[in-house]
Amino acid sequence: MFDDSVPEDDPEREAWRERQMSLYGAQIELHDAGLVEIVHPANGERPDLVTATEAGRAALA
């Protein structure tokens, strides 16, 4: 996402990092609530692949 020349403490990089952490937290909350399930765990090259559970689909209806 960011060029190596962008410092680690760059405000835009830090804002992006915070958004990423919020998204990870949301995914964990959805999983803990039983609304999504992991169909393929992360493998170091890509994140967990998830799908909505029956409860998740019902919550969206």
Protein backbone atom coordinates (compact mmCIF):
# COMPACT_ATOMS: atom_id res chain seq x y z
CA MET A 1 0.00 0.00 0.00
CA PHE A 2 2.76 2.45 0.91
CA ASP A 3 6.11 2.97 -0.76
CA ASP A 4 9.16 2.10 1.35
CA SER A 5 10.12 5.78 1.29
CA VAL A 6 7.06 6.68 3.39
CA PRO A 7 8.12 6.79 7.06
CA GLU A 8 6.48 4.39 9.51
CA ASP A 9 5.14 7.32 11.55
CA ASP A 10 3.55 9.05 8.55
CA PRO A 11 0.02 10.19 9.55
CA GLU A 12 -1.60 8.57 6.51
CA ARG A 13 0.18 5.28 7.19
CA GLU A 14 -0.90 5.38 10.82
CA ALA A 15 -4.52 6.17 9.85
CA TRP A 16 -4.49 3.25 7.40
CA ARG A 17 -3.10 0.94 10.11
CA GLU A 18 -5.87 2.03 12.51
CA ARG A 19 -8.55 1.33 9.88
CA GLN A 20 -7.07 -2.12 9.24
CA MET A 21 -7.07 -2.95 12.94
CA SER A 22 -10.71 -1.81 13.21
CA LEU A 23 -11.66 -4.07 10.32
CA TYR A 24 -9.87 -7.03 11.92
CA GLY A 25 -11.69 -6.30 15.17
CA ALA A 26 -15.04 -6.20 13.38
CA GLN A 27 -14.32 -9.56 11.74
CA ILE A 28 -13.49 -11.09 15.12
CA GLU A 29 -16.70 -9.68 16.61
CA LEU A 30 -18.76 -11.11 13.74
CA HIS A 31 -17.10 -14.50 14.21
CA ASP A 32 -17.58 -14.46 17.99
CA ALA A 33 -21.26 -13.60 17.47
CA GLY A 34 -21.64 -16.61 15.16
CA LEU A 35 -22.52 -14.44 12.16
CA VAL A 36 -19.58 -15.55 9.98
CA GLU A 37 -17.42 -18.65 9.85
CA ILE A 38 -13.92 -19.19 8.53
CA VAL A 39 -13.94 -21.38 5.43
CA HIS A 40 -10.18 -21.14 4.72
CA PRO A 41 -7.76 -19.97 7.43
CA ALA A 42 -5.15 -17.33 6.64
CA ASN A 43 -2.02 -18.81 5.13
CA GLY A 44 0.50 -15.97 5.26
CA GLU A 45 -0.30 -14.84 1.74
CA ARG A 46 -3.95 -13.93 2.27
CA PRO A 47 -6.27 -13.34 5.23
CA ASP A 48 -8.97 -15.70 6.49
CA LEU A 49 -11.72 -16.32 3.97
CA VAL A 50 -15.10 -16.17 5.67
CA THR A 51 -18.73 -16.71 4.77
CA ALA A 52 -21.96 -15.72 6.47
CA THR A 53 -23.60 -18.35 8.66
CA GLU A 54 -27.35 -18.98 8.69
CA ALA A 55 -27.56 -16.56 11.65
CA GLY A 56 -25.55 -14.01 9.69
CA ARG A 57 -27.82 -14.29 6.67
CA ALA A 58 -30.89 -14.00 8.91
CA ALA A 59 -29.43 -10.87 10.51
CA LEU A 60 -29.08 -9.31 7.07
CA ALA A 61 -32.63 -10.16 5.99
